[in-house]
PDB file of N, CA and C in Angstrom:
ATOM      1  N   MET A   1       1.348  18.729  13.634  1.00  0.00           N
ATOM      2  CA  MET A   1       1.870  18.011  14.783  1.00  0.00           C
ATOM      3  C   MET A   1       2.119  16.560  14.386  1.00  0.00           C
ATOM      4  N   ALA A   2       3.267  16.029  14.732  1.00  0.00           N
ATOM      5  CA  ALA A   2       3.623  14.653  14.369  1.00  0.00           C
ATOM      6  C   ALA A   2       2.781  13.659  15.153  1.00  0.00           C
ATOM      7  N   GLU A   3       2.436  12.581  14.509  1.00  0.00           N
ATOM      8  CA  GLU A   3       1.656  11.526  15.141  1.00  0.00           C
ATOM      9  C   GLU A   3       2.574  10.665  16.007  1.00  0.00           C
ATOM     10  N   THR A   4       2.094  10.274  17.188  1.00  0.00           N
ATOM     11  CA  THR A   4       2.885   9.450  18.092  1.00  0.00           C
ATOM     12  C   THR A   4       2.954   8.027  17.561  1.00  0.00           C
ATOM     13  N   LEU A   5       4.146   7.453  17.578  1.00  0.00           N
ATOM     14  CA  LEU A   5       4.320   6.092  17.094  1.00  0.00           C
ATOM     15  C   LEU A   5       3.840   5.081  18.118  1.00  0.00           C
ATOM     16  N   PRO A   6       3.120   4.060  17.698  1.00  0.00           N
ATOM     17  CA  PRO A   6       2.769   3.019  18.637  1.00  0.00           C
ATOM     18  C   PRO A   6       3.974   2.130  18.950  1.00  0.00           C
ATOM     19  N   TYR A   7       4.897   1.982  18.012  1.00  0.00           N
ATOM     20  CA  TYR A   7       6.093   1.161  18.187  1.00  0.00           C
ATOM     21  C   TYR A   7       6.983   1.377  16.976  1.00  0.00           C
ATOM     22  N   SER A   8       8.250   1.143  17.123  1.00  0.00           N
ATOM     23  CA  SER A   8       9.199   1.259  16.013  1.00  0.00           C
ATOM     24  C   SER A   8      10.574   0.865  16.505  1.00  0.00           C
ATOM     25  N   SER A   9      11.411   0.401  15.592  1.00  0.00           N
ATOM     26  CA  SER A   9      12.775   0.039  15.967  1.00  0.00           C
ATOM     27  C   SER A   9      13.667   1.271  16.016  1.00  0.00           C
ATOM     28  N   THR A  10      13.236   2.357  15.387  1.00  0.00           N
ATOM     29  CA  THR A  10      14.007   3.592  15.383  1.00  0.00           C
ATOM     30  C   THR A  10      13.076   4.747  15.718  1.00  0.00           C
ATOM     31  N   PRO A  11      13.616   5.825  16.267  1.00  0.00           N
ATOM     32  CA  PRO A  11      12.749   6.958  16.571  1.00  0.00           C
ATOM     33  C   PRO A  11      12.227   7.587  15.285  1.00  0.00           C
ATOM     34  N   GLY A  12      10.971   7.990  15.297  1.00  0.00           N
ATOM     35  CA  GLY A  12      10.358   8.595  14.118  1.00  0.00           C
ATOM     36  C   GLY A  12       9.961   7.556  13.097  1.00  0.00           C
ATOM     37  N   ILE A  13       9.213   7.978  12.125  1.00  0.00           N
ATOM     38  CA  ILE A  13       8.789   7.074  11.058  1.00  0.00           C
ATOM     39  C   ILE A  13       9.759   7.229   9.898  1.00  0.00           C
ATOM     40  N   PRO A  14      10.317   6.137   9.400  1.00  0.00           N
ATOM     41  CA  PRO A  14      11.239   6.240   8.262  1.00  0.00           C
ATOM     42  C   PRO A  14      10.543   6.847   7.038  1.00  0.00           C
ATOM     43  N   HIS A  15      11.325   7.483   6.177  1.00  0.00           N
ATOM     44  CA  HIS A  15      10.775   8.095   4.962  1.00  0.00           C
ATOM     45  C   HIS A  15       9.973   7.067   4.165  1.00  0.00           C
ATOM     46  N   GLY A  16       8.796   7.465   3.702  1.00  0.00           N
ATOM     47  CA  GLY A  16       7.952   6.570   2.926  1.00  0.00           C
ATOM     48  C   GLY A  16       7.067   5.688   3.779  1.00  0.00           C
ATOM     49  N   SER A  17       7.088   5.869   5.104  1.00  0.00           N
ATOM     50  CA  SER A  17       6.268   5.054   5.997  1.00  0.00           C
ATOM     51  C   SER A  17       5.160   5.907   6.597  1.00  0.00           C
ATOM     52  N   ARG A  18       4.143   5.228   7.095  1.00  0.00           N
ATOM     53  CA  ARG A  18       3.026   5.909   7.745  1.00  0.00           C
ATOM     54  C   ARG A  18       2.340   4.944   8.688  1.00  0.00           C
ATOM     55  N   ILE A  19       1.497   5.457   9.536  1.00  0.00           N
ATOM     56  CA  ILE A  19       0.721   4.618  10.433  1.00  0.00           C
ATOM     57  C   ILE A  19      -0.629   4.351   9.781  1.00  0.00           C
ATOM     58  N   VAL A  20      -1.012   3.077   9.702  1.00  0.00           N
ATOM     59  CA  VAL A  20      -2.328   2.708   9.193  1.00  0.00           C
ATOM     60  C   VAL A  20      -3.049   1.916  10.276  1.00  0.00           C
ATOM     61  N   THR A  21      -4.360   2.079  10.336  1.00  0.00           N
ATOM     62  CA  THR A  21      -5.167   1.358  11.310  1.00  0.00           C
ATOM     63  C   THR A  21      -6.067   0.391  10.564  1.00  0.00           C
ATOM     64  N   ILE A  22      -5.917  -0.889  10.880  1.00  0.00           N
ATOM     65  CA  ILE A  22      -6.696  -1.947  10.234  1.00  0.00           C
ATOM     66  C   ILE A  22      -7.423  -2.709  11.333  1.00  0.00           C
ATOM     67  N   ASP A  23      -8.730  -2.730  11.274  1.00  0.00           N
ATOM     68  CA  ASP A  23      -9.548  -3.400  12.296  1.00  0.00           C
ATOM     69  C   ASP A  23      -9.188  -2.938  13.709  1.00  0.00           C
ATOM     70  N   GLY A  24      -8.920  -1.641  13.879  1.00  0.00           N
ATOM     71  CA  GLY A  24      -8.635  -1.078  15.185  1.00  0.00           C
ATOM     72  C   GLY A  24      -7.219  -1.272  15.676  1.00  0.00           C
ATOM     73  N   VAL A  25      -6.351  -1.906  14.883  1.00  0.00           N
ATOM     74  CA  VAL A  25      -4.954  -2.137  15.267  1.00  0.00           C
ATOM     75  C   VAL A  25      -4.060  -1.220  14.431  1.00  0.00           C
ATOM     76  N   ALA A  26      -3.156  -0.477  15.113  1.00  0.00           N
ATOM     77  CA  ALA A  26      -2.240   0.422  14.416  1.00  0.00           C
ATOM     78  C   ALA A  26      -0.981  -0.332  14.006  1.00  0.00           C
ATOM     79  N   TYR A  27      -0.593  -0.145  12.750  1.00  0.00           N
ATOM     80  CA  TYR A  27       0.628  -0.746  12.205  1.00  0.00           C
ATOM     81  C   TYR A  27       1.462   0.366  11.587  1.00  0.00           C
ATOM     82  N   ILE A  28       2.791   0.216  11.630  1.00  0.00           N
ATOM     83  CA  ILE A  28       3.646   1.104  10.849  1.00  0.00           C
ATOM     84  C   ILE A  28       3.801   0.458   9.488  1.00  0.00           C
ATOM     85  N   ALA A  29       3.403   1.174   8.451  1.00  0.00           N
ATOM     86  CA  ALA A  29       3.508   0.677   7.082  1.00  0.00           C
ATOM     87  C   ALA A  29       4.789   1.253   6.479  1.00  0.00           C
ATOM     88  N   GLU A  30       5.829   0.433   6.430  1.00  0.00           N
ATOM     89  CA  GLU A  30       7.112   0.859   5.875  1.00  0.00           C
ATOM     90  C   GLU A  30       7.046   0.843   4.352  1.00  0.00           C
ATOM     91  N   GLY A  31       7.652   1.834   3.733  1.00  0.00           N
ATOM     92  CA  GLY A  31       7.768   1.850   2.275  1.00  0.00           C
ATOM     93  C   GLY A  31       6.437   1.797   1.564  1.00  0.00           C
ATOM     94  N   PHE A  32       5.440   2.490   2.066  1.00  0.00           N
ATOM     95  CA  PHE A  32       4.116   2.496   1.431  1.00  0.00           C
ATOM     96  C   PHE A  32       4.248   3.134   0.052  1.00  0.00           C
ATOM     97  N   GLN A  33       4.005   2.363  -1.009  1.00  0.00           N
ATOM     98  CA  GLN A  33       4.227   2.819  -2.385  1.00  0.00           C
ATOM     99  C   GLN A  33       2.948   2.769  -3.212  1.00  0.00           C
ATOM    100  N   PRO A  34       2.155   3.850  -3.214  1.00  0.00           N
ATOM    101  CA  PRO A  34       0.962   3.851  -4.063  1.00  0.00           C
ATOM    102  C   PRO A  34       1.327   4.121  -5.531  1.00  0.00           C
ATOM    103  N   THR A  35       0.567   3.541  -6.434  1.00  0.00           N
ATOM    104  CA  THR A  35       0.752   3.781  -7.864  1.00  0.00           C
ATOM    105  C   THR A  35      -0.593   4.092  -8.500  1.00  0.00           C
ATOM    106  N   ARG A  36      -0.543   4.760  -9.632  1.00  0.00           N
ATOM    107  CA  ARG A  36      -1.737   5.067 -10.418  1.00  0.00           C
ATOM    108  C   ARG A  36      -1.553   4.459 -11.808  1.00  0.00           C
ATOM    109  N   PRO A  37      -1.834   3.175 -11.947  1.00  0.00           N
ATOM    110  CA  PRO A  37      -1.602   2.533 -13.246  1.00  0.00           C
ATOM    111  C   PRO A  37      -2.577   3.006 -14.322  1.00  0.00           C
ATOM    112  N   THR A  38      -2.156   2.863 -15.558  1.00  0.00           N
ATOM    113  CA  THR A  38      -3.003   3.189 -16.711  1.00  0.00           C
ATOM    114  C   THR A  38      -2.902   2.070 -17.743  1.00  0.00           C
ATOM    115  N   THR A  39      -3.918   1.992 -18.563  1.00  0.00           N
ATOM    116  CA  THR A  39      -3.886   1.115 -19.725  1.00  0.00           C
ATOM    117  C   THR A  39      -3.695   2.019 -20.938  1.00  0.00           C
ATOM    118  N   GLN A  40      -2.758   1.640 -21.800  1.00  0.00           N
ATOM    119  CA  GLN A  40      -2.474   2.437 -22.986  1.00  0.00           C
ATOM    120  C   GLN A  40      -3.090   1.757 -24.207  1.00  0.00           C
ATOM    121  N   LEU A  41      -3.880   2.514 -24.952  1.00  0.00           N
ATOM    122  CA  LEU A  41      -4.476   2.004 -26.184  1.00  0.00           C
ATOM    123  C   LEU A  41      -3.841   2.731 -27.359  1.00  0.00           C
ATOM    124  N   PRO A  42      -2.934   2.068 -28.092  1.00  0.00           N
ATOM    125  CA  PRO A  42      -2.299   2.724 -29.238  1.00  0.00           C
ATOM    126  C   PRO A  42      -3.268   2.800 -30.420  1.00  0.00           C
ATOM    127  N   ARG A  43      -3.105   3.836 -31.198  1.00  0.00           N
ATOM    128  CA  ARG A  43      -3.916   4.008 -32.414  1.00  0.00           C
ATOM    129  C   ARG A  43      -2.968   4.025 -33.602  1.00  0.00           C
ATOM    130  N   LYS A  44      -3.367   3.352 -34.691  1.00  0.00           N
ATOM    131  CA  LYS A  44      -2.527   3.288 -35.895  1.00  0.00           C
ATOM    132  C   LYS A  44      -3.312   3.772 -37.104  1.00  0.00           C
ATOM    133  N   ASN A  45      -2.571   4.235 -38.109  1.00  0.00           N
ATOM    134  CA  ASN A  45      -3.221   4.651 -39.352  1.00  0.00           C
ATOM    135  C   ASN A  45      -3.436   3.443 -40.257  1.00  0.00           C
ATOM    136  N   GLN A  46      -3.912   3.662 -41.464  1.00  0.00           N
ATOM    137  CA  GLN A  46      -4.216   2.574 -42.397  1.00  0.00           C
ATOM    138  C   GLN A  46      -2.990   1.739 -42.756  1.00  0.00           C
ATOM    139  N   LEU A  47      -1.802   2.309 -42.642  1.00  0.00           N
ATOM    140  CA  LEU A  47      -0.573   1.597 -42.979  1.00  0.00           C
ATOM    141  C   LEU A  47       0.044   0.889 -41.758  1.00  0.00           C
ATOM    142  N   GLY A  48      -0.590   1.032 -40.601  1.00  0.00           N
ATOM    143  CA  GLY A  48      -0.090   0.386 -39.390  1.00  0.00           C
ATOM    144  C   GLY A  48       0.915   1.201 -38.606  1.00  0.00           C
ATOM    145  N   ALA A  49       1.154   2.434 -39.034  1.00  0.00           N
ATOM    146  CA  ALA A  49       2.093   3.295 -38.311  1.00  0.00           C
ATOM    147  C   ALA A  49       1.371   3.963 -37.132  1.00  0.00           C
ATOM    148  N   PRO A  50       2.047   4.107 -35.992  1.00  0.00           N
ATOM    149  CA  PRO A  50       1.398   4.757 -34.845  1.00  0.00           C
ATOM    150  C   PRO A  50       1.071   6.212 -35.143  1.00  0.00           C
ATOM    151  N   ASN A  51      -0.134   6.644 -34.758  1.00  0.00           N
ATOM    152  CA  ASN A  51      -0.494   8.052 -34.945  1.00  0.00           C
ATOM    153  C   ASN A  51      -1.255   8.619 -33.742  1.00  0.00           C
ATOM    154  N   GLY A  52      -1.231   7.914 -32.620  1.00  0.00           N
ATOM    155  CA  GLY A  52      -1.876   8.440 -31.423  1.00  0.00           C
ATOM    156  C   GLY A  52      -2.082   7.348 -30.390  1.00  0.00           C
ATOM    157  N   PHE A  53      -2.664   7.730 -29.271  1.00  0.00           N
ATOM    158  CA  PHE A  53      -2.946   6.774 -28.211  1.00  0.00           C
ATOM    159  C   PHE A  53      -3.988   7.356 -27.264  1.00  0.00           C
ATOM    160  N   LYS A  54      -4.525   6.507 -26.403  1.00  0.00           N
ATOM    161  CA  LYS A  54      -5.468   6.923 -25.363  1.00  0.00           C
ATOM    162  C   LYS A  54      -5.031   6.251 -24.072  1.00  0.00           C
ATOM    163  N   LEU A  55      -5.116   6.986 -22.960  1.00  0.00           N
ATOM    164  CA  LEU A  55      -4.788   6.440 -21.657  1.00  0.00           C
ATOM    165  C   LEU A  55      -6.065   6.271 -20.843  1.00  0.00           C
ATOM    166  N   LEU A  56      -6.220   5.107 -20.216  1.00  0.00           N
ATOM    167  CA  LEU A  56      -7.372   4.827 -19.365  1.00  0.00           C
ATOM    168  C   LEU A  56      -6.903   4.626 -17.935  1.00  0.00           C
ATOM    169  N   LYS A  57      -7.558   5.305 -16.979  1.00  0.00           N
ATOM    170  CA  LYS A  57      -7.200   5.136 -15.570  1.00  0.00           C
ATOM    171  C   LYS A  57      -7.580   3.745 -15.104  1.00  0.00           C
ATOM    172  N   GLU A  58      -6.704   3.156 -14.298  1.00  0.00           N
ATOM    173  CA  GLU A  58      -6.964   1.868 -13.671  1.00  0.00           C
ATOM    174  C   GLU A  58      -7.072   2.083 -12.164  1.00  0.00           C
ATOM    175  N   ARG A  59      -7.428   1.049 -11.463  1.00  0.00           N
ATOM    176  CA  ARG A  59      -7.534   1.087 -10.006  1.00  0.00           C
ATOM    177  C   ARG A  59      -6.159   1.361  -9.400  1.00  0.00           C
ATOM    178  N   LYS A  60      -6.105   2.256  -8.390  1.00  0.00           N
ATOM    179  CA  LYS A  60      -4.849   2.529  -7.697  1.00  0.00           C
ATOM    180  C   LYS A  60      -4.419   1.268  -6.937  1.00  0.00           C
ATOM    181  N   THR A  61      -3.117   1.061  -6.831  1.00  0.00           N
ATOM    182  CA  THR A  61      -2.570  -0.076  -6.099  1.00  0.00           C
ATOM    183  C   THR A  61      -1.465   0.433  -5.173  1.00  0.00           C
ATOM    184  N   ALA A  62      -1.070  -0.389  -4.219  1.00  0.00           N
ATOM    185  CA  ALA A  62       0.045  -0.022  -3.336  1.00  0.00           C
ATOM    186  C   ALA A  62       0.634  -1.284  -2.726  1.00  0.00           C
ATOM    187  N   THR A  63       1.869  -1.157  -2.276  1.00  0.00           N
ATOM    188  CA  THR A  63       2.532  -2.223  -1.530  1.00  0.00           C
ATOM    189  C   THR A  63       3.139  -1.593  -0.279  1.00  0.00           C
ATOM    190  N   ALA A  64       3.318  -2.406   0.754  1.00  0.00           N
ATOM    191  CA  ALA A  64       3.927  -1.925   1.993  1.00  0.00           C
ATOM    192  C   ALA A  64       4.378  -3.118   2.821  1.00  0.00           C
ATOM    193  N   THR A  65       5.220  -2.846   3.806  1.00  0.00           N
ATOM    194  CA  THR A  65       5.604  -3.834   4.802  1.00  0.00           C
ATOM    195  C   THR A  65       5.069  -3.336   6.134  1.00  0.00           C
ATOM    196  N   LEU A  66       4.255  -4.154   6.799  1.00  0.00           N
ATOM    197  CA  LEU A  66       3.673  -3.765   8.080  1.00  0.00           C
ATOM    198  C   LEU A  66       4.504  -4.315   9.227  1.00  0.00           C
ATOM    199  N   GLN A  67       4.839  -3.448  10.200  1.00  0.00           N
ATOM    200  CA  GLN A  67       5.493  -3.887  11.423  1.00  0.00           C
ATOM    201  C   GLN A  67       4.412  -4.345  12.397  1.00  0.00           C
ATOM    202  N   LEU A  68       4.588  -5.541  12.972  1.00  0.00           N
ATOM    203  CA  LEU A  68       3.678  -6.035  13.999  1.00  0.00           C
ATOM    204  C   LEU A  68       4.288  -5.719  15.351  1.00  0.00           C
ATOM    205  N   GLU A  69       3.526  -5.071  16.215  1.00  0.00           N
ATOM    206  CA  GLU A  69       4.054  -4.582  17.490  1.00  0.00           C
ATOM    207  C   GLU A  69       4.585  -5.706  18.379  1.00  0.00           C
ATOM    208  N   THR A  70       3.819  -6.782  18.524  1.00  0.00           N
ATOM    209  CA  THR A  70       4.223  -7.914  19.368  1.00  0.00           C
ATOM    210  C   THR A  70       3.893  -9.202  18.635  1.00  0.00           C
ATOM    211  N   ASP A  71       4.317 -10.332  19.211  1.00  0.00           N
ATOM    212  CA  ASP A  71       3.986 -11.625  18.611  1.00  0.00           C
ATOM    213  C   ASP A  71       2.486 -11.874  18.588  1.00  0.00           C
ATOM    214  N   SER A  72       1.748 -11.243  19.507  1.00  0.00           N
ATOM    215  CA  SER A  72       0.300 -11.457  19.559  1.00  0.00           C
ATOM    216  C   SER A  72      -0.485 -10.476  18.680  1.00  0.00           C
ATOM    217  N   THR A  73       0.214  -9.520  18.045  1.00  0.00           N
ATOM    218  CA  THR A  73      -0.474  -8.595  17.145  1.00  0.00           C
ATOM    219  C   THR A  73      -1.004  -9.385  15.947  1.00  0.00           C
ATOM    220  N   PRO A  74      -2.296  -9.241  15.637  1.00  0.00           N
ATOM    221  CA  PRO A  74      -2.845 -10.032  14.543  1.00  0.00           C
ATOM    222  C   PRO A  74      -2.303  -9.623  13.179  1.00  0.00           C
ATOM    223  N   VAL A  75      -2.112 -10.613  12.334  1.00  0.00           N
ATOM    224  CA  VAL A  75      -1.736 -10.359  10.942  1.00  0.00           C
ATOM    225  C   VAL A  75      -3.033 -10.037  10.200  1.00  0.00           C
ATOM    226  N   PRO A  76      -3.117  -8.872   9.545  1.00  0.00           N
ATOM    227  CA  PRO A  76      -4.360  -8.535   8.850  1.00  0.00           C
ATOM    228  C   PRO A  76      -4.597  -9.491   7.684  1.00  0.00           C
ATOM    229  N   GLY A  77      -5.837  -9.871   7.480  1.00  0.00           N
ATOM    230  CA  GLY A  77      -6.169 -10.826   6.431  1.00  0.00           C
ATOM    231  C   GLY A  77      -6.587 -10.169   5.132  1.00  0.00           C
ATOM    232  N   ARG A  78      -6.632 -10.987   4.095  1.00  0.00           N
ATOM    233  CA  ARG A  78      -7.111 -10.501   2.799  1.00  0.00           C
ATOM    234  C   ARG A  78      -8.555 -10.055   2.937  1.00  0.00           C
ATOM    235  N   GLY A  79      -8.902  -9.005   2.194  1.00  0.00           N
ATOM    236  CA  GLY A  79     -10.260  -8.474   2.228  1.00  0.00           C
ATOM    237  C   GLY A  79     -10.469  -7.405   3.285  1.00  0.00           C
ATOM    238  N   ARG A  80      -9.491  -7.223   4.188  1.00  0.00           N
ATOM    239  CA  ARG A  80      -9.605  -6.184   5.215  1.00  0.00           C
ATOM    240  C   ARG A  80      -9.419  -4.820   4.562  1.00  0.00           C
ATOM    241  N   GLU A  81     -10.128  -3.819   5.088  1.00  0.00           N
ATOM    242  CA  GLU A  81     -10.091  -2.478   4.513  1.00  0.00           C
ATOM    243  C   GLU A  81      -9.509  -1.483   5.499  1.00  0.00           C
ATOM    244  N   PHE A  82      -8.888  -0.421   4.957  1.00  0.00           N
ATOM    245  CA  PHE A  82      -8.413   0.694   5.769  1.00  0.00           C
ATOM    246  C   PHE A  82      -8.328   1.931   4.903  1.00  0.00           C
ATOM    247  N   ALA A  83      -8.368   3.092   5.543  1.00  0.00           N
ATOM    248  CA  ALA A  83      -8.253   4.361   4.820  1.00  0.00           C
ATOM    249  C   ALA A  83      -6.786   4.768   4.803  1.00  0.00           C
ATOM    250  N   GLY A  84      -6.355   5.327   3.689  1.00  0.00           N
ATOM    251  CA  GLY A  84      -4.964   5.765   3.582  1.00  0.00           C
ATOM    252  C   GLY A  84      -4.774   6.688   2.401  1.00  0.00           C
ATOM    253  N   GLU A  85      -3.621   7.321   2.369  1.00  0.00           N
ATOM    254  CA  GLU A  85      -3.312   8.257   1.306  1.00  0.00           C
ATOM    255  C   GLU A  85      -2.964   7.540   0.014  1.00  0.00           C
ATOM    256  N   ALA A  86      -3.317   8.183  -1.088  1.00  0.00           N
ATOM    257  CA  ALA A  86      -2.957   7.678  -2.417  1.00  0.00           C
ATOM    258  C   ALA A  86      -2.478   8.859  -3.237  1.00  0.00           C
ATOM    259  N   VAL A  87      -1.257   9.221  -3.075  1.00  0.00           N
ATOM    260  CA  VAL A  87      -0.592  10.328  -3.746  1.00  0.00           C
ATOM    261  C   VAL A  87      -1.166  11.666  -3.264  1.00  0.00           C
ATOM    262  N   ASP A  88      -2.360  12.064  -3.727  1.00  0.00           N
ATOM    263  CA  ASP A  88      -2.896  13.375  -3.360  1.00  0.00           C
ATOM    264  C   ASP A  88      -4.307  13.307  -2.778  1.00  0.00           C
ATOM    265  N   GLU A  89      -4.744  12.134  -2.353  1.00  0.00           N
ATOM    266  CA  GLU A  89      -6.084  11.997  -1.793  1.00  0.00           C
ATOM    267  C   GLU A  89      -6.131  10.813  -0.837  1.00  0.00           C
ATOM    268  N   VAL A  90      -7.164  10.779  -0.003  1.00  0.00           N
ATOM    269  CA  VAL A  90      -7.363   9.649   0.898  1.00  0.00           C
ATOM    270  C   VAL A  90      -8.363   8.708   0.235  1.00  0.00           C
ATOM    271  N   VAL A  91      -8.019   7.427   0.169  1.00  0.00           N
ATOM    272  CA  VAL A  91      -8.897   6.438  -0.447  1.00  0.00           C
ATOM    273  C   VAL A  91      -9.076   5.258   0.501  1.00  0.00           C
ATOM    274  N   ALA A  92     -10.057   4.428   0.209  1.00  0.00           N
ATOM    275  CA  ALA A  92     -10.248   3.174   0.937  1.00  0.00           C
ATOM    276  C   ALA A  92      -9.429   2.107   0.230  1.00  0.00           C
ATOM    277  N   TRP A  93      -8.569   1.407   0.979  1.00  0.00           N
ATOM    278  CA  TRP A  93      -7.732   0.341   0.443  1.00  0.00           C
ATOM    279  C   TRP A  93      -8.273  -0.999   0.895  1.00  0.00           C
ATOM    280  N   VAL A  94      -8.134  -2.019   0.056  1.00  0.00           N
ATOM    281  CA  VAL A  94      -8.512  -3.393   0.382  1.00  0.00           C
ATOM    282  C   VAL A  94      -7.265  -4.262   0.232  1.00  0.00           C
ATOM    283  N   ILE A  95      -6.957  -5.041   1.261  1.00  0.00           N
ATOM    284  CA  ILE A  95      -5.783  -5.924   1.214  1.00  0.00           C
ATOM    285  C   ILE A  95      -6.099  -7.111   0.310  1.00  0.00           C
ATOM    286  N   ILE A  96      -5.259  -7.340  -0.710  1.00  0.00           N
ATOM    287  CA  ILE A  96      -5.490  -8.471  -1.613  1.00  0.00           C
ATOM    288  C   ILE A  96      -4.441  -9.570  -1.462  1.00  0.00           C
ATOM    289  N   GLU A  97      -3.253  -9.235  -0.920  1.00  0.00           N
ATOM    290  CA  GLU A  97      -2.209 -10.239  -0.695  1.00  0.00           C
ATOM    291  C   GLU A  97      -1.506  -9.948   0.621  1.00  0.00           C
ATOM    292  N   VAL A  98      -1.187 -11.015   1.373  1.00  0.00           N
ATOM    293  CA  VAL A  98      -0.458 -10.896   2.633  1.00  0.00           C
ATOM    294  C   VAL A  98       0.602 -11.992   2.662  1.00  0.00           C
ATOM    295  N   SER A  99       1.840 -11.615   2.967  1.00  0.00           N
ATOM    296  CA  SER A  99       2.910 -12.616   3.050  1.00  0.00           C
ATOM    297  C   SER A  99       2.894 -13.292   4.417  1.00  0.00           C
ATOM    298  N   ASN A 100       3.681 -14.347   4.550  1.00  0.00           N
ATOM    299  CA  ASN A 100       3.878 -14.962   5.859  1.00  0.00           C
ATOM    300  C   ASN A 100       4.714 -14.010   6.708  1.00  0.00           C
ATOM    301  N   PRO A 101       4.477 -13.958   8.024  1.00  0.00           N
ATOM    302  CA  PRO A 101       5.270 -13.081   8.884  1.00  0.00           C
ATOM    303  C   PRO A 101       6.751 -13.476   8.880  1.00  0.00           C
ATOM    304  N   GLU A 102       7.630 -12.473   8.940  1.00  0.00           N
ATOM    305  CA  GLU A 102       9.070 -12.691   9.016  1.00  0.00           C
ATOM    306  C   GLU A 102       9.622 -11.875  10.172  1.00  0.00           C
ATOM    307  N   VAL A 103      10.686 -12.358  10.795  1.00  0.00           N
ATOM    308  CA  VAL A 103      11.327 -11.631  11.880  1.00  0.00           C
ATOM    309  C   VAL A 103      12.723 -11.236  11.427  1.00  0.00           C
ATOM    310  N   SER A 104      13.031  -9.926  11.548  1.00  0.00           N
ATOM    311  CA  SER A 104      14.347  -9.416  11.176  1.00  0.00           C
ATOM    312  C   SER A 104      14.711  -8.316  12.169  1.00  0.00           C
ATOM    313  N   ASP A 105      15.882  -8.410  12.762  1.00  0.00           N
ATOM    314  CA  ASP A 105      16.337  -7.431  13.755  1.00  0.00           C
ATOM    315  C   ASP A 105      15.330  -7.244  14.873  1.00  0.00           C
ATOM    316  N   GLY A 106      14.653  -8.324  15.264  1.00  0.00           N
ATOM    317  CA  GLY A 106      13.693  -8.260  16.354  1.00  0.00           C
ATOM    318  C   GLY A 106      12.336  -7.716  15.978  1.00  0.00           C
ATOM    319  N   LEU A 107      12.141  -7.344  14.703  1.00  0.00           N
ATOM    320  CA  LEU A 107      10.844  -6.833  14.251  1.00  0.00           C
ATOM    321  C   LEU A 107      10.122  -7.897  13.448  1.00  0.00           C
ATOM    322  N   LYS A 108       8.857  -8.110  13.764  1.00  0.00           N
ATOM    323  CA  LYS A 108       8.030  -9.042  13.006  1.00  0.00           C
ATOM    324  C   LYS A 108       7.268  -8.223  11.976  1.00  0.00           C
ATOM    325  N   THR A 109       7.378  -8.614  10.703  1.00  0.00           N
ATOM    326  CA  THR A 109       6.749  -7.862   9.623  1.00  0.00           C
ATOM    327  C   THR A 109       6.007  -8.782   8.656  1.00  0.00           C
ATOM    328  N   VAL A 110       5.067  -8.201   7.924  1.00  0.00           N
ATOM    329  CA  VAL A 110       4.406  -8.881   6.820  1.00  0.00           C
ATOM    330  C   VAL A 110       4.333  -7.899   5.652  1.00  0.00           C
ATOM    331  N   SER A 111       4.422  -8.404   4.445  1.00  0.00           N
ATOM    332  CA  SER A 111       4.267  -7.575   3.255  1.00  0.00           C
ATOM    333  C   SER A 111       2.825  -7.680   2.782  1.00  0.00           C
ATOM    334  N   ILE A 112       2.281  -6.537   2.353  1.00  0.00           N
ATOM    335  CA  ILE A 112       0.908  -6.535   1.842  1.00  0.00           C
ATOM    336  C   ILE A 112       0.854  -5.858   0.477  1.00  0.00           C
ATOM    337  N   THR A 113      -0.136  -6.254  -0.299  1.00  0.00           N
ATOM    338  CA  THR A 113      -0.478  -5.577  -1.553  1.00  0.00           C
ATOM    339  C   THR A 113      -1.939  -5.175  -1.412  1.00  0.00           C
ATOM    340  N   VAL A 114      -2.238  -3.926  -1.790  1.00  0.00           N
ATOM    341  CA  VAL A 114      -3.602  -3.430  -1.655  1.00  0.00           C
ATOM    342  C   VAL A 114      -4.089  -2.817  -2.964  1.00  0.00           C
ATOM    343  N   TRP A 115      -5.399  -2.827  -3.134  1.00  0.00           N
ATOM    344  CA  TRP A 115      -6.076  -2.169  -4.247  1.00  0.00           C
ATOM    345  C   TRP A 115      -7.001  -1.122  -3.704  1.00  0.00           C
ATOM    346  N   GLU A 116      -7.246  -0.101  -4.500  1.00  0.00           N
ATOM    347  CA  GLU A 116      -8.244   0.903  -4.153  1.00  0.00           C
ATOM    348  C   GLU A 116      -9.628   0.262  -4.200  1.00  0.00           C
ATOM    349  N   LYS A 117     -10.446   0.537  -3.184  1.00  0.00           N
ATOM    350  CA  LYS A 117     -11.814   0.035  -3.171  1.00  0.00           C
ATOM    351  C   LYS A 117     -12.638   0.907  -4.103  1.00  0.00           C
ATOM    352  N   ILE A 118     -13.344   0.266  -5.015  1.00  0.00           N
ATOM    353  CA  ILE A 118     -14.158   1.020  -5.978  1.00  0.00           C
ATOM    354  C   ILE A 118     -15.625   0.785  -5.680  1.00  0.00           C
TER     355      ILE A 118
END
């Protein structure tokens, strides 16, 4: 069953968007883009030629644009946490960056960057 939208400029949630709840306030997160970064450790032989590598998992990250329902809707601050999907699982996210609010086509939005809480 589809989740009811708290607000939106268009009917339905655009592709790549979802509803997230931060401190009890529901936001539409447009373009939610989780990533699973890795660190690559190359291995070389005695002559310096590559002969292998190792991949190390890093903390998951994501970016999104949050729609604010009204002018009085609070802008979530850094350090705030929320639960959300990360490709194939639900994880706890922590907001590490928040942009200044912008208004476009009557919608007030902020961009956020989040890290997986470890």
